Protein backbone atom coordinates (compact mmCIF):
# COMPACT_ATOMS: atom_id res chain seq x y z
CA UNK A 1 -0.03 0.04 0.01
CA UNK A 2 1.45 3.37 -1.08
CA UNK A 3 2.04 6.19 1.51
CA UNK A 4 -0.72 8.75 1.73
CA UNK A 5 -0.21 12.24 0.18
CA UNK A 6 0.79 15.02 2.42
CA UNK A 7 -1.73 17.85 2.82
CA UNK A 8 -1.28 20.87 0.69
CA UNK A 9 -1.39 23.46 3.59
CA UNK A 10 1.59 21.81 5.23
CA UNK A 11 3.52 21.98 2.04
CA UNK A 12 2.52 25.54 1.48
CA UNK A 13 3.62 26.50 4.97
CA UNK A 14 6.97 24.83 4.55
CA UNK A 15 7.63 26.75 1.32
CA UNK A 16 6.63 30.11 2.85
CA UNK A 17 8.77 29.56 5.95
CA UNK A 18 11.85 28.56 3.98
CA UNK A 19 11.58 31.52 1.62
CA UNK A 20 11.21 33.77 4.66
CA UNK A 21 14.35 32.27 6.20
CA UNK A 22 16.20 32.59 3.00
CA UNK A 23 15.28 36.27 2.67
CA UNK A 24 16.81 36.82 6.11
CA UNK A 25 20.18 35.41 4.96
CA UNK A 26 20.46 38.09 2.19
CA UNK A 27 21.12 40.68 4.89
CA UNK A 28 24.57 39.05 5.29
CA UNK A 29 25.18 37.91 1.76
CA UNK A 30 28.25 39.68 0.37
CA UNK A 31 28.03 42.17 3.37
CA UNK A 32 31.35 43.70 4.49
CA UNK A 33 30.57 42.92 8.13
CA UNK A 34 30.04 39.16 7.50
CA UNK A 35 32.03 37.33 10.19
CA UNK A 36 32.95 33.66 9.62
CA UNK A 37 33.60 31.40 12.61
CA UNK A 38 34.86 27.84 12.58
CA UNK A 39 32.97 24.97 14.21
CA UNK A 40 34.64 22.11 15.89
CA UNK A 41 34.92 20.19 12.73
CA UNK A 42 36.56 23.14 10.94
CA UNK A 43 33.62 23.95 8.81
CA UNK A 44 32.46 27.61 8.56
CA UNK A 45 29.38 29.09 10.24
CA UNK A 46 28.08 32.57 10.14
CA UNK A 47 25.39 34.76 11.81
CA UNK A 48 23.23 34.07 8.80
CA UNK A 49 23.20 30.28 9.49
CA UNK A 50 22.36 30.74 13.14
CA UNK A 51 19.66 33.35 12.48
CA UNK A 52 17.94 31.33 9.80
CA UNK A 53 17.92 28.12 11.87
CA UNK A 54 16.52 29.97 14.94
CA UNK A 55 13.90 31.63 12.82
CA UNK A 56 12.78 28.33 11.37
CA UNK A 57 12.76 26.50 14.69
CA UNK A 58 10.55 29.17 16.21
CA UNK A 59 8.13 29.34 13.34
CA UNK A 60 7.85 25.60 13.06
CA UNK A 61 7.10 25.35 16.79
CA UNK A 62 4.17 27.65 16.24
CA UNK A 63 2.76 26.16 13.04
CA UNK A 64 3.39 22.48 14.01
CA UNK A 65 3.57 22.07 17.75
CA UNK A 66 4.92 18.75 18.88
CA UNK A 67 6.89 17.99 15.82
CA UNK A 68 10.61 17.21 16.30
CA UNK A 69 13.41 19.13 14.60
CA UNK A 70 16.88 18.12 13.37
CA UNK A 71 19.06 21.01 12.17
CA UNK A 72 22.70 21.67 11.59
CA UNK A 73 23.45 24.47 14.04
CA UNK A 74 21.34 23.59 17.16
CA UNK A 75 20.86 20.33 19.16
CA UNK A 76 17.88 18.15 18.05
CA UNK A 77 14.41 18.92 19.48
CA UNK A 78 12.46 15.85 20.45
CA UNK A 79 8.82 15.61 19.29
CA UNK A 80 5.65 13.99 20.38
CA UNK A 81 3.82 13.60 17.09
CA UNK A 82 6.05 11.11 15.24
CA UNK A 83 7.02 13.74 12.70
CA UNK A 84 10.33 15.45 12.29
CA UNK A 85 11.43 18.56 10.42
CA UNK A 86 14.98 18.40 9.04
CA UNK A 87 16.61 21.66 8.09
CA UNK A 88 19.82 23.12 6.91
CA UNK A 89 19.74 26.90 7.30
CA UNK A 90 22.46 27.48 4.69
CA UNK A 91 23.60 24.49 2.60
CA UNK A 92 26.76 25.68 0.95
CA UNK A 93 28.09 27.98 3.62
CA UNK A 94 31.49 28.02 1.91
CA UNK A 95 29.79 29.45 -1.22
CA UNK A 96 27.89 31.91 0.84
CA UNK A 97 31.02 33.24 2.55
CA UNK A 98 32.68 33.63 -0.80
CA UNK A 99 29.73 35.67 -2.25
CA UNK A 100 28.77 32.82 -4.69
CA UNK A 101 24.94 32.96 -5.14
CA UNK A 102 24.51 29.22 -5.42
CA UNK A 103 23.89 28.50 -1.64
CA UNK A 104 20.51 27.19 -0.52
CA UNK A 105 18.17 26.70 2.38
CA UNK A 106 16.78 23.19 2.94
CA UNK A 107 13.70 21.98 4.71
CA UNK A 108 11.99 18.58 4.87
CA UNK A 109 9.34 16.86 6.94
CA UNK A 110 9.64 13.18 7.76
CA UNK A 111 6.74 11.17 8.98
CA UNK A 112 6.13 7.48 9.56
CA UNK A 113 6.18 6.79 5.88
CA UNK A 114 9.43 8.70 5.09
CA UNK A 115 10.16 12.07 3.71
CA UNK A 116 6.75 13.78 2.94
CA UNK A 117 7.80 17.37 2.15
CA UNK A 118 10.97 18.78 0.57
CA UNK A 119 11.91 22.26 -0.15
CA UNK A 120 15.18 23.74 -1.65
CA UNK A 121 15.28 27.54 -1.72
CA UNK A 122 17.97 29.50 -3.49
CA UNK A 123 17.47 33.01 -2.14
CA UNK A 124 20.24 34.85 -4.09
CA UNK A 125 18.76 33.42 -7.32
CA UNK A 126 15.14 33.99 -6.39
CA UNK A 127 14.28 30.41 -7.07
CA UNK A 128 12.57 27.69 -5.03
CA UNK A 129 11.93 23.96 -5.90
CA UNK A 130 9.42 22.09 -3.66
CA UNK A 131 7.62 18.82 -3.54
CA UNK A 132 4.97 17.09 -1.39
CA UNK A 133 4.36 13.33 -1.37
CA UNK A 134 1.53 12.76 -3.88
CA UNK A 135 1.44 16.39 -4.74
CA UNK A 136 4.20 16.63 -7.45
CA UNK A 137 7.40 18.71 -7.72
CA UNK A 138 7.20 22.47 -8.51
CA UNK A 139 9.16 25.56 -9.14
CA UNK A 140 8.21 29.14 -10.01
CA UNK A 141 8.06 27.97 -13.64
CA UNK A 142 5.41 25.38 -12.95
CA UNK A 143 5.63 21.53 -12.68
CA UNK A 144 9.24 20.32 -12.26
CA UNK A 145 10.33 17.19 -14.10
CA UNK A 146 13.75 15.48 -14.52
CA UNK A 147 15.39 15.29 -17.98
CA UNK A 148 15.01 12.42 -20.41
CA UNK A 149 18.60 12.04 -21.31
CA UNK A 150 19.11 8.28 -21.49
CA UNK A 151 22.71 7.54 -20.57
CA UNK A 152 25.93 8.89 -19.02
CA UNK A 153 27.31 9.70 -22.43
CA UNK A 154 26.69 13.47 -22.60
CA UNK A 155 25.06 13.63 -19.19
CA UNK A 156 25.79 16.59 -16.85
CA UNK A 157 26.90 15.24 -13.52
CA UNK A 158 27.15 17.68 -10.49
CA UNK A 159 29.13 17.42 -7.33
CA UNK A 160 29.84 19.76 -4.39
CA UNK A 161 33.55 19.10 -4.67
CA UNK A 162 36.02 16.41 -5.69
CA UNK A 163 37.88 16.13 -2.52
CA UNK A 164 35.92 13.02 -1.23
CA UNK A 165 36.03 11.20 -4.55
CA UNK A 166 38.00 8.00 -4.72
CA UNK A 167 40.90 7.94 -7.14
CA UNK A 168 39.87 6.97 -10.70
CA UNK A 169 36.26 8.01 -10.45
CA UNK A 170 36.59 11.35 -12.25
CA UNK A 171 38.50 9.66 -15.09
CA UNK A 172 35.85 6.85 -15.25
CA UNK A 173 33.05 9.43 -15.57
CA UNK A 174 34.92 11.27 -18.30
CA UNK A 175 35.63 7.95 -20.09
CA UNK A 176 31.83 7.26 -20.01
CA UNK A 177 31.21 10.61 -21.70
CA UNK A 178 29.85 12.50 -18.72
CA UNK A 179 30.31 16.24 -18.22
CA UNK A 180 31.35 16.83 -14.59
CA UNK A 181 30.66 20.20 -12.84
CA UNK A 182 30.96 21.41 -9.20
CA UNK A 183 29.32 24.04 -7.01
CA UNK A 184 26.69 21.46 -6.27
CA UNK A 185 25.12 21.18 -2.75
CA UNK A 186 21.37 21.81 -2.66
CA UNK A 187 21.74 23.75 -5.88
CA UNK A 188 22.89 20.54 -7.82
CA UNK A 189 19.97 18.50 -6.47
CA UNK A 190 17.57 21.32 -7.58
CA UNK A 191 19.10 21.26 -11.08
CA UNK A 192 18.35 17.45 -11.37
CA UNK A 193 14.81 17.87 -10.16
CA UNK A 194 14.05 20.56 -12.77
CA UNK A 195 15.65 18.71 -15.60
CA UNK A 196 18.61 21.06 -16.16
CA UNK A 197 21.31 18.40 -15.42
CA UNK A 198 21.08 14.57 -15.21
CA UNK A 199 22.79 13.77 -11.84
CA UNK A 200 24.10 15.16 -8.60
CA UNK A 201 26.60 13.13 -6.47
CA UNK A 202 27.61 13.99 -2.93
CA UNK A 203 30.00 11.48 -1.38
CA UNK A 204 29.81 13.01 2.05
CA UNK A 205 26.59 14.27 3.56
CA UNK A 206 24.64 14.57 6.84
CA UNK A 207 20.83 13.94 6.91
CA UNK A 208 20.13 17.67 6.88
CA UNK A 209 22.21 18.00 3.62
CA UNK A 210 19.79 15.81 1.75
CA UNK A 211 16.58 15.76 3.72
CA UNK A 212 14.36 17.09 0.93
CA UNK A 213 15.82 15.00 -1.82
CA UNK A 214 13.91 11.68 -1.64
CA UNK A 215 10.45 13.27 -2.15
CA UNK A 216 11.84 16.07 -4.37
CA UNK A 217 13.34 13.52 -6.85
CA UNK A 218 10.52 11.00 -6.65
CA UNK A 219 7.82 13.59 -7.35
CA UNK A 220 9.90 14.97 -10.28
CA UNK A 221 10.20 11.51 -11.85
CA UNK A 222 13.74 10.77 -10.82
CA UNK A 223 15.58 8.78 -8.11
CA UNK A 224 17.47 9.52 -4.94
CA UNK A 225 19.62 6.96 -3.12
CA UNK A 226 22.86 6.85 -1.24
CA UNK A 227 25.90 5.41 -2.96
CA UNK A 228 25.01 1.89 -1.75
CA UNK A 229 21.71 2.15 -3.62
CA UNK A 230 19.50 2.59 -0.46
CA UNK A 231 16.71 5.23 -0.35
CA UNK A 232 17.91 6.88 2.72
CA UNK A 233 19.23 10.18 4.01
CA UNK A 234 21.16 8.48 6.76
CA UNK A 235 23.73 6.69 4.68
CA UNK A 236 26.41 9.47 4.72
CA UNK A 237 26.27 9.81 0.84
CA UNK A 238 23.68 11.05 -1.58
CA UNK A 239 22.97 10.71 -5.28
CA UNK A 240 20.11 12.09 -7.34
CA UNK A 241 19.46 11.39 -11.06
CA UNK A 242 16.83 11.53 -13.72
CA UNK A 243 16.38 7.80 -13.05
CA UNK A 244 17.55 6.77 -16.53
CA UNK A 245 21.23 7.07 -15.79
CA UNK A 246 20.96 6.02 -12.04
CA UNK A 247 22.08 2.38 -12.26
CA UNK A 248 24.79 3.12 -14.72
CA UNK A 249 26.23 5.95 -12.55
CA UNK A 250 25.83 3.99 -9.36
CA UNK A 251 27.68 0.98 -10.84
CA UNK A 252 30.54 3.25 -12.03
CA UNK A 253 30.91 5.01 -8.70
CA UNK A 254 30.80 1.76 -6.72
CA UNK A 255 33.44 0.16 -8.92
CA UNK A 256 35.81 3.19 -8.42
């Protein structure tokens, strides 16, 4: 039996809240007073990250009392409803601190059936891509669908960076005829869902980095798995494709 659709008002609220959070981050984008701190793992964090997460947590608590929250910048909040919001206030903080407009805000809702809502907001580009289980995938241009390109030959493959790639994988992709590009993060996944590229590969992720992607890709007609082929945001890796190149790309990456 298939999972039931999510209700439209929940999806609409998620989109509105994430857009509002994204708008707040623009106050610091390319601002001369932007201060960059380093977390314990060495990754950057800014006032924009912290402000956007605090805003989302406060608004979600009002709109959906009792739901749990998992975010990047604050400890998890336990819930009582069996539902959990998963958020990344700025996915691509390195891009943000460099003034590159490809950073995103991510928000997802997980219930007993899996990921039910997924939203990727690109505030500096003025673009949002969103999906609800059973409600389709959408952007400002209307319904979002993955591309129909049939194979890796000529396919555009995105990745956030090459630092986590095993030796030989880049060469193998090029030998298969793929076109590799970086500056991925949430932006890369949004490109797949809207049919502008064929695949996005991220060899190192946390759940909040890919929370929206299972429902976003499914509703757009594509596929999301980890690099072991499991439909999970907990596997430490993530890969989204138009579905047609998924098995070919997965086999190549797993052989590398």
